[in-house]
C-alpha cells in the first residue's frame, strides 16, 4: 500500500496531541513560521514541533498540512474520480 509522507505523520500526530483547538485547520499560521517548518522538513529533518515557536503558533502546523495537499501534482481526490464524488 501507500506510505504516508513524514510531514503529514509528524504534523497530524502533533495536532492530535497539542492542537485540539477550535479552527486548527481553518485559521492560518504565521507565514514565516510555516516557511521555517517547511524548510526543516525539506531538509530531510524531522523538526522538533515542541519548540516554543510551534507551540505558540499551533496553526502553522495545520497550515503546513494544507500547503502540502495544495501543492500535490494531482488532487487527493483524483480528477478521474471527480464524477463519482459529485
PDB file of N, CA and C in Angstrom:
ATOM      1  N   UNK A   1       0.843  -1.194   0.000  1.00  0.00           N
ATOM      2  CA  UNK A   1       0.000   0.000   0.000  1.00  0.00           C
ATOM      3  C   UNK A   1       0.883   1.250   0.000  1.00  0.00           C
ATOM      4  N   UNK A   2       0.279   2.380   0.156  1.00  0.00           N
ATOM      5  CA  UNK A   2       0.991   3.662   0.108  1.00  0.00           C
ATOM      6  C   UNK A   2       1.494   4.041   1.497  1.00  0.00           C
ATOM      7  N   UNK A   3       2.630   4.698   1.511  1.00  0.00           N
ATOM      8  CA  UNK A   3       3.131   5.178   2.792  1.00  0.00           C
ATOM      9  C   UNK A   3       2.739   6.647   2.952  1.00  0.00           C
ATOM     10  N   UNK A   4       2.548   7.056   4.175  1.00  0.00           N
ATOM     11  CA  UNK A   4       2.175   8.431   4.476  1.00  0.00           C
ATOM     12  C   UNK A   4       3.455   9.247   4.602  1.00  0.00           C
ATOM     13  N   UNK A   5       3.543  10.387   3.912  1.00  0.00           N
ATOM     14  CA  UNK A   5       4.743  11.222   3.995  1.00  0.00           C
ATOM     15  C   UNK A   5       5.014  11.677   5.438  1.00  0.00           C
ATOM     16  N   UNK A   6       6.285  11.774   5.775  1.00  0.00           N
ATOM     17  CA  UNK A   6       6.690  12.123   7.136  1.00  0.00           C
ATOM     18  C   UNK A   6       6.090  13.451   7.588  1.00  0.00           C
ATOM     19  N   UNK A   7       6.028  14.416   6.694  1.00  0.00           N
ATOM     20  CA  UNK A   7       5.491  15.726   7.068  1.00  0.00           C
ATOM     21  C   UNK A   7       4.051  15.584   7.560  1.00  0.00           C
ATOM     22  N   UNK A   8       3.255  14.755   6.914  1.00  0.00           N
ATOM     23  CA  UNK A   8       1.867  14.572   7.348  1.00  0.00           C
ATOM     24  C   UNK A   8       1.781  13.767   8.639  1.00  0.00           C
ATOM     25  N   UNK A   9       2.620  12.732   8.769  1.00  0.00           N
ATOM     26  CA  UNK A   9       2.637  11.953  10.013  1.00  0.00           C
ATOM     27  C   UNK A   9       2.964  12.842  11.197  1.00  0.00           C
ATOM     28  N   UNK A  10       4.065  13.580  11.084  1.00  0.00           N
ATOM     29  CA  UNK A  10       4.531  14.410  12.200  1.00  0.00           C
ATOM     30  C   UNK A  10       3.513  15.483  12.557  1.00  0.00           C
ATOM     31  N   UNK A  11       3.010  16.162  11.546  1.00  0.00           N
ATOM     32  CA  UNK A  11       2.079  17.267  11.801  1.00  0.00           C
ATOM     33  C   UNK A  11       0.763  16.784  12.396  1.00  0.00           C
ATOM     34  N   UNK A  12       0.206  15.714  11.843  1.00  0.00           N
ATOM     35  CA  UNK A  12      -1.076  15.251  12.370  1.00  0.00           C
ATOM     36  C   UNK A  12      -0.941  14.663  13.774  1.00  0.00           C
ATOM     37  N   UNK A  13       0.151  13.963  14.044  1.00  0.00           N
ATOM     38  CA  UNK A  13       0.370  13.447  15.405  1.00  0.00           C
ATOM     39  C   UNK A  13       0.505  14.597  16.394  1.00  0.00           C
ATOM     40  N   UNK A  14       1.230  15.634  15.995  1.00  0.00           N
ATOM     41  CA  UNK A  14       1.406  16.801  16.863  1.00  0.00           C
ATOM     42  C   UNK A  14       0.070  17.497  17.120  1.00  0.00           C
ATOM     43  N   UNK A  15      -0.716  17.663  16.063  1.00  0.00           N
ATOM     44  CA  UNK A  15      -2.012  18.331  16.212  1.00  0.00           C
ATOM     45  C   UNK A  15      -2.935  17.498  17.093  1.00  0.00           C
ATOM     46  N   UNK A  16      -2.929  16.181  16.922  1.00  0.00           N
ATOM     47  CA  UNK A  16      -3.746  15.312  17.777  1.00  0.00           C
ATOM     48  C   UNK A  16      -3.372  15.472  19.253  1.00  0.00           C
ATOM     49  N   UNK A  17      -2.086  15.640  19.501  1.00  0.00           N
ATOM     50  CA  UNK A  17      -1.608  15.716  20.880  1.00  0.00           C
ATOM     51  C   UNK A  17      -1.722  17.115  21.485  1.00  0.00           C
ATOM     52  N   UNK A  18      -1.439  18.158  20.685  1.00  0.00           N
ATOM     53  CA  UNK A  18      -1.347  19.513  21.237  1.00  0.00           C
ATOM     54  C   UNK A  18      -2.334  20.512  20.642  1.00  0.00           C
ATOM     55  N   UNK A  19      -2.964  20.156  19.545  1.00  0.00           N
ATOM     56  CA  UNK A  19      -3.677  21.174  18.797  1.00  0.00           C
ATOM     57  C   UNK A  19      -5.175  21.058  18.776  1.00  0.00           C
ATOM     58  N   UNK A  20      -5.754  20.467  19.784  1.00  0.00           N
ATOM     59  CA  UNK A  20      -7.202  20.352  19.784  1.00  0.00           C
ATOM     60  C   UNK A  20      -7.775  21.703  20.223  1.00  0.00           C
ATOM     61  N   UNK A  21      -7.803  22.609  19.261  1.00  0.00           N
ATOM     62  CA  UNK A  21      -8.355  23.953  19.475  1.00  0.00           C
ATOM     63  C   UNK A  21      -9.314  24.234  18.329  1.00  0.00           C
ATOM     64  N   UNK A  22     -10.232  25.126  18.560  1.00  0.00           N
ATOM     65  CA  UNK A  22     -11.180  25.485  17.506  1.00  0.00           C
ATOM     66  C   UNK A  22     -10.451  26.063  16.306  1.00  0.00           C
ATOM     67  N   UNK A  23     -10.840  25.621  15.136  1.00  0.00           N
ATOM     68  CA  UNK A  23     -10.313  26.201  13.903  1.00  0.00           C
ATOM     69  C   UNK A  23      -8.890  25.833  13.571  1.00  0.00           C
ATOM     70  N   UNK A  24      -8.395  24.709  14.072  1.00  0.00           N
ATOM     71  CA  UNK A  24      -6.983  24.368  13.845  1.00  0.00           C
ATOM     72  C   UNK A  24      -6.642  24.328  12.357  1.00  0.00           C
ATOM     73  N   UNK A  25      -7.538  23.848  11.525  1.00  0.00           N
ATOM     74  CA  UNK A  25      -7.259  23.814  10.086  1.00  0.00           C
ATOM     75  C   UNK A  25      -7.901  24.993   9.354  1.00  0.00           C
ATOM     76  N   UNK A  26      -8.722  25.738  10.040  1.00  0.00           N
ATOM     77  CA  UNK A  26      -9.399  26.871   9.414  1.00  0.00           C
ATOM     78  C   UNK A  26      -8.543  28.133   9.491  1.00  0.00           C
ATOM     79  N   UNK A  27      -7.887  28.332  10.625  1.00  0.00           N
ATOM     80  CA  UNK A  27      -7.066  29.526  10.813  1.00  0.00           C
ATOM     81  C   UNK A  27      -5.659  29.284  10.289  1.00  0.00           C
ATOM     82  N   UNK A  28      -5.066  30.330   9.757  1.00  0.00           N
ATOM     83  CA  UNK A  28      -3.704  30.217   9.209  1.00  0.00           C
ATOM     84  C   UNK A  28      -2.671  30.565  10.260  1.00  0.00           C
ATOM     85  N   UNK A  29      -1.524  29.934  10.121  1.00  0.00           N
ATOM     86  CA  UNK A  29      -0.396  30.261  10.982  1.00  0.00           C
ATOM     87  C   UNK A  29       0.370  31.446  10.420  1.00  0.00           C
ATOM     88  N   UNK A  30       1.386  31.873  11.125  1.00  0.00           N
ATOM     89  CA  UNK A  30       2.247  32.969  10.686  1.00  0.00           C
ATOM     90  C   UNK A  30       3.112  32.462   9.535  1.00  0.00           C
ATOM     91  N   UNK A  31       3.103  33.212   8.425  1.00  0.00           N
ATOM     92  CA  UNK A  31       3.773  32.762   7.197  1.00  0.00           C
ATOM     93  C   UNK A  31       5.240  32.410   7.425  1.00  0.00           C
ATOM     94  N   UNK A  32       5.953  33.208   8.194  1.00  0.00           N
ATOM     95  CA  UNK A  32       7.377  32.927   8.417  1.00  0.00           C
ATOM     96  C   UNK A  32       7.570  31.618   9.194  1.00  0.00           C
ATOM     97  N   UNK A  33       6.664  31.309  10.106  1.00  0.00           N
ATOM     98  CA  UNK A  33       6.751  30.054  10.854  1.00  0.00           C
ATOM     99  C   UNK A  33       6.445  28.860   9.946  1.00  0.00           C
ATOM    100  N   UNK A  34       5.471  29.030   9.057  1.00  0.00           N
ATOM    101  CA  UNK A  34       5.131  27.963   8.113  1.00  0.00           C
ATOM    102  C   UNK A  34       6.331  27.677   7.212  1.00  0.00           C
ATOM    103  N   UNK A  35       6.961  28.732   6.699  1.00  0.00           N
ATOM    104  CA  UNK A  35       8.108  28.547   5.808  1.00  0.00           C
ATOM    105  C   UNK A  35       9.294  27.928   6.539  1.00  0.00           C
ATOM    106  N   UNK A  36       9.512  28.325   7.790  1.00  0.00           N
ATOM    107  CA  UNK A  36      10.603  27.744   8.586  1.00  0.00           C
ATOM    108  C   UNK A  36      10.357  26.246   8.780  1.00  0.00           C
ATOM    109  N   UNK A  37       9.141  25.896   9.114  1.00  0.00           N
ATOM    110  CA  UNK A  37       8.782  24.500   9.325  1.00  0.00           C
ATOM    111  C   UNK A  37       8.909  23.714   8.020  1.00  0.00           C
ATOM    112  N   UNK A  38       8.454  24.298   6.936  1.00  0.00           N
ATOM    113  CA  UNK A  38       8.563  23.649   5.632  1.00  0.00           C
ATOM    114  C   UNK A  38      10.026  23.400   5.270  1.00  0.00           C
ATOM    115  N   UNK A  39      10.867  24.390   5.515  1.00  0.00           N
ATOM    116  CA  UNK A  39      12.302  24.260   5.216  1.00  0.00           C
ATOM    117  C   UNK A  39      12.914  23.118   6.027  1.00  0.00           C
ATOM    118  N   UNK A  40      12.525  23.004   7.291  1.00  0.00           N
ATOM    119  CA  UNK A  40      13.064  21.921   8.126  1.00  0.00           C
ATOM    120  C   UNK A  40      12.682  20.555   7.563  1.00  0.00           C
ATOM    121  N   UNK A  41      11.431  20.389   7.141  1.00  0.00           N
ATOM    122  CA  UNK A  41      11.018  19.118   6.538  1.00  0.00           C
ATOM    123  C   UNK A  41      11.705  18.905   5.193  1.00  0.00           C
ATOM    124  N   UNK A  42      11.852  19.967   4.386  1.00  0.00           N
ATOM    125  CA  UNK A  42      12.514  19.849   3.076  1.00  0.00           C
ATOM    126  C   UNK A  42      13.974  19.472   3.215  1.00  0.00           C
ATOM    127  N   UNK A  43      14.572  19.794   4.347  1.00  0.00           N
ATOM    128  CA  UNK A  43      15.980  19.475   4.599  1.00  0.00           C
ATOM    129  C   UNK A  43      16.149  18.045   5.104  1.00  0.00           C
ATOM    130  N   UNK A  44      15.101  17.251   4.952  1.00  0.00           N
ATOM    131  CA  UNK A  44      15.120  15.842   5.359  1.00  0.00           C
ATOM    132  C   UNK A  44      15.285  15.666   6.867  1.00  0.00           C
ATOM    133  N   UNK A  45      14.897  16.675   7.607  1.00  0.00           N
ATOM    134  CA  UNK A  45      14.933  16.579   9.062  1.00  0.00           C
ATOM    135  C   UNK A  45      13.508  16.361   9.552  1.00  0.00           C
ATOM    136  N   UNK A  46      13.380  15.821  10.734  1.00  0.00           N
ATOM    137  CA  UNK A  46      12.084  15.801  11.397  1.00  0.00           C
ATOM    138  C   UNK A  46      12.188  16.853  12.499  1.00  0.00           C
ATOM    139  N   UNK A  47      11.563  17.993  12.278  1.00  0.00           N
ATOM    140  CA  UNK A  47      11.726  19.086  13.242  1.00  0.00           C
ATOM    141  C   UNK A  47      11.092  18.771  14.595  1.00  0.00           C
ATOM    142  N   UNK A  48      11.612  19.426  15.602  1.00  0.00           N
ATOM    143  CA  UNK A  48      11.061  19.313  16.953  1.00  0.00           C
ATOM    144  C   UNK A  48       9.862  20.257  17.035  1.00  0.00           C
ATOM    145  N   UNK A  49       8.682  19.699  16.887  1.00  0.00           N
ATOM    146  CA  UNK A  49       7.477  20.519  16.880  1.00  0.00           C
ATOM    147  C   UNK A  49       7.107  21.038  18.261  1.00  0.00           C
ATOM    148  N   UNK A  50       7.804  20.559  19.292  1.00  0.00           N
ATOM    149  CA  UNK A  50       7.506  21.051  20.640  1.00  0.00           C
ATOM    150  C   UNK A  50       8.271  22.330  20.968  1.00  0.00           C
ATOM    151  N   UNK A  51       9.019  22.863  20.010  1.00  0.00           N
ATOM    152  CA  UNK A  51       9.683  24.153  20.230  1.00  0.00           C
ATOM    153  C   UNK A  51       8.613  25.213  20.468  1.00  0.00           C
ATOM    154  N   UNK A  52       8.968  26.206  21.273  1.00  0.00           N
ATOM    155  CA  UNK A  52       8.018  27.279  21.595  1.00  0.00           C
ATOM    156  C   UNK A  52       7.421  27.924  20.350  1.00  0.00           C
ATOM    157  N   UNK A  53       8.236  28.092  19.313  1.00  0.00           N
ATOM    158  CA  UNK A  53       7.763  28.766  18.101  1.00  0.00           C
ATOM    159  C   UNK A  53       6.553  28.036  17.508  1.00  0.00           C
ATOM    160  N   UNK A  54       6.532  26.722  17.578  1.00  0.00           N
ATOM    161  CA  UNK A  54       5.426  25.954  17.007  1.00  0.00           C
ATOM    162  C   UNK A  54       4.282  25.764  18.001  1.00  0.00           C
ATOM    163  N   UNK A  55       4.620  25.620  19.280  1.00  0.00           N
ATOM    164  CA  UNK A  55       3.573  25.507  20.312  1.00  0.00           C
ATOM    165  C   UNK A  55       2.768  26.807  20.372  1.00  0.00           C
ATOM    166  N   UNK A  56       3.457  27.939  20.279  1.00  0.00           N
ATOM    167  CA  UNK A  56       2.778  29.237  20.363  1.00  0.00           C
ATOM    168  C   UNK A  56       2.008  29.565  19.088  1.00  0.00           C
ATOM    169  N   UNK A  57       2.400  28.980  17.975  1.00  0.00           N
ATOM    170  CA  UNK A  57       1.694  29.187  16.710  1.00  0.00           C
ATOM    171  C   UNK A  57       1.296  27.822  16.156  1.00  0.00           C
ATOM    172  N   UNK A  58       0.418  27.155  16.893  1.00  0.00           N
ATOM    173  CA  UNK A  58      -0.008  25.801  16.522  1.00  0.00           C
ATOM    174  C   UNK A  58      -0.633  25.776  15.130  1.00  0.00           C
ATOM    175  N   UNK A  59      -1.196  26.900  14.709  1.00  0.00           N
ATOM    176  CA  UNK A  59      -1.854  26.962  13.407  1.00  0.00           C
ATOM    177  C   UNK A  59      -0.872  26.831  12.249  1.00  0.00           C
ATOM    178  N   UNK A  60       0.414  27.113  12.480  1.00  0.00           N
ATOM    179  CA  UNK A  60       1.386  26.957  11.390  1.00  0.00           C
ATOM    180  C   UNK A  60       1.555  25.484  11.034  1.00  0.00           C
ATOM    181  N   UNK A  61       1.353  24.589  11.997  1.00  0.00           N
ATOM    182  CA  UNK A  61       1.470  23.157  11.732  1.00  0.00           C
ATOM    183  C   UNK A  61       0.301  22.698  10.850  1.00  0.00           C
ATOM    184  N   UNK A  62      -0.906  23.128  11.185  1.00  0.00           N
ATOM    185  CA  UNK A  62      -2.066  22.818  10.356  1.00  0.00           C
ATOM    186  C   UNK A  62      -1.950  23.448   8.979  1.00  0.00           C
ATOM    187  N   UNK A  63      -1.408  24.656   8.922  1.00  0.00           N
ATOM    188  CA  UNK A  63      -1.231  25.344   7.637  1.00  0.00           C
ATOM    189  C   UNK A  63      -0.249  24.604   6.746  1.00  0.00           C
ATOM    190  N   UNK A  64       0.795  24.020   7.337  1.00  0.00           N
ATOM    191  CA  UNK A  64       1.752  23.251   6.542  1.00  0.00           C
ATOM    192  C   UNK A  64       1.078  22.017   5.932  1.00  0.00           C
ATOM    193  N   UNK A  65       0.198  21.376   6.675  1.00  0.00           N
ATOM    194  CA  UNK A  65      -0.550  20.232   6.126  1.00  0.00           C
ATOM    195  C   UNK A  65      -1.391  20.678   4.933  1.00  0.00           C
ATOM    196  N   UNK A  66      -2.094  21.782   5.084  1.00  0.00           N
ATOM    197  CA  UNK A  66      -2.925  22.282   3.983  1.00  0.00           C
ATOM    198  C   UNK A  66      -2.073  22.634   2.778  1.00  0.00           C
ATOM    199  N   UNK A  67      -0.916  23.238   3.017  1.00  0.00           N
ATOM    200  CA  UNK A  67       0.006  23.604   1.939  1.00  0.00           C
ATOM    201  C   UNK A  67       0.485  22.357   1.199  1.00  0.00           C
ATOM    202  N   UNK A  68       0.788  21.310   1.941  1.00  0.00           N
ATOM    203  CA  UNK A  68       1.235  20.062   1.333  1.00  0.00           C
ATOM    204  C   UNK A  68       0.176  19.546   0.353  1.00  0.00           C
ATOM    205  N   UNK A  69      -1.062  19.495   0.799  1.00  0.00           N
ATOM    206  CA  UNK A  69      -2.133  18.986  -0.066  1.00  0.00           C
ATOM    207  C   UNK A  69      -2.379  19.899  -1.269  1.00  0.00           C
ATOM    208  N   UNK A  70      -2.270  21.209  -1.070  1.00  0.00           N
ATOM    209  CA  UNK A  70      -2.467  22.153  -2.183  1.00  0.00           C
ATOM    210  C   UNK A  70      -1.415  21.979  -3.260  1.00  0.00           C
ATOM    211  N   UNK A  71      -0.203  21.601  -2.875  1.00  0.00           N
ATOM    212  CA  UNK A  71       0.903  21.515  -3.828  1.00  0.00           C
ATOM    213  C   UNK A  71       1.080  20.136  -4.457  1.00  0.00           C
ATOM    214  N   UNK A  72       0.210  19.202  -4.139  1.00  0.00           N
ATOM    215  CA  UNK A  72       0.294  17.891  -4.789  1.00  0.00           C
ATOM    216  C   UNK A  72       0.082  18.060  -6.298  1.00  0.00           C
ATOM    217  N   UNK A  73       0.812  17.309  -7.120  1.00  0.00           N
ATOM    218  CA  UNK A  73       0.639  17.447  -8.572  1.00  0.00           C
ATOM    219  C   UNK A  73      -0.755  17.026  -9.031  1.00  0.00           C
ATOM    220  N   UNK A  74      -1.338  16.071  -8.352  1.00  0.00           N
ATOM    221  CA  UNK A  74      -2.715  15.647  -8.619  1.00  0.00           C
ATOM    222  C   UNK A  74      -3.481  15.738  -7.309  1.00  0.00           C
ATOM    223  N   UNK A  75      -4.743  16.121  -7.380  1.00  0.00           N
ATOM    224  CA  UNK A  75      -5.512  16.223  -6.138  1.00  0.00           C
ATOM    225  C   UNK A  75      -5.642  14.869  -5.442  1.00  0.00           C
ATOM    226  N   UNK A  76      -5.830  14.923  -4.150  1.00  0.00           N
ATOM    227  CA  UNK A  76      -6.003  13.700  -3.374  1.00  0.00           C
ATOM    228  C   UNK A  76      -7.207  12.915  -3.887  1.00  0.00           C
ATOM    229  N   UNK A  77      -8.284  13.611  -4.162  1.00  0.00           N
ATOM    230  CA  UNK A  77      -9.456  13.009  -4.790  1.00  0.00           C
ATOM    231  C   UNK A  77      -9.291  13.267  -6.283  1.00  0.00           C
ATOM    232  N   UNK A  78      -8.746  12.306  -6.980  1.00  0.00           N
ATOM    233  CA  UNK A  78      -8.254  12.492  -8.341  1.00  0.00           C
ATOM    234  C   UNK A  78      -9.322  12.951  -9.325  1.00  0.00           C
ATOM    235  N   UNK A  79      -8.846  13.559 -10.409  1.00  0.00           N
ATOM    236  CA  UNK A  79      -9.736  14.038 -11.469  1.00  0.00           C
ATOM    237  C   UNK A  79     -10.585  12.897 -12.022  1.00  0.00           C
ATOM    238  N   UNK A  80      -9.999  11.714 -12.127  1.00  0.00           N
ATOM    239  CA  UNK A  80     -10.712  10.568 -12.683  1.00  0.00           C
ATOM    240  C   UNK A  80     -11.920  10.171 -11.817  1.00  0.00           C
ATOM    241  N   UNK A  81     -11.833  10.426 -10.539  1.00  0.00           N
ATOM    242  CA  UNK A  81     -12.915  10.047  -9.629  1.00  0.00           C
ATOM    243  C   UNK A  81     -13.906  11.182  -9.357  1.00  0.00           C
ATOM    244  N   UNK A  82     -13.650  12.343  -9.909  1.00  0.00           N
ATOM    245  CA  UNK A  82     -14.444  13.525  -9.610  1.00  0.00           C
ATOM    246  C   UNK A  82     -15.940  13.300  -9.866  1.00  0.00           C
ATOM    247  N   UNK A  83     -16.295  12.726 -11.013  1.00  0.00           N
ATOM    248  CA  UNK A  83     -17.701  12.496 -11.355  1.00  0.00           C
ATOM    249  C   UNK A  83     -18.380  11.588 -10.320  1.00  0.00           C
ATOM    250  N   UNK A  84     -17.670  10.578  -9.861  1.00  0.00           N
ATOM    251  CA  UNK A  84     -18.250   9.666  -8.862  1.00  0.00           C
ATOM    252  C   UNK A  84     -18.519  10.384  -7.539  1.00  0.00           C
ATOM    253  N   UNK A  85     -17.620  11.323  -7.183  1.00  0.00           N
ATOM    254  CA  UNK A  85     -17.786  12.057  -5.926  1.00  0.00           C
ATOM    255  C   UNK A  85     -18.927  13.054  -6.006  1.00  0.00           C
ATOM    256  N   UNK A  86     -19.106  13.663  -7.171  1.00  0.00           N
ATOM    257  CA  UNK A  86     -20.155  14.681  -7.287  1.00  0.00           C
ATOM    258  C   UNK A  86     -21.447  14.020  -7.700  1.00  0.00           C
TER     259      UNK A  86
END
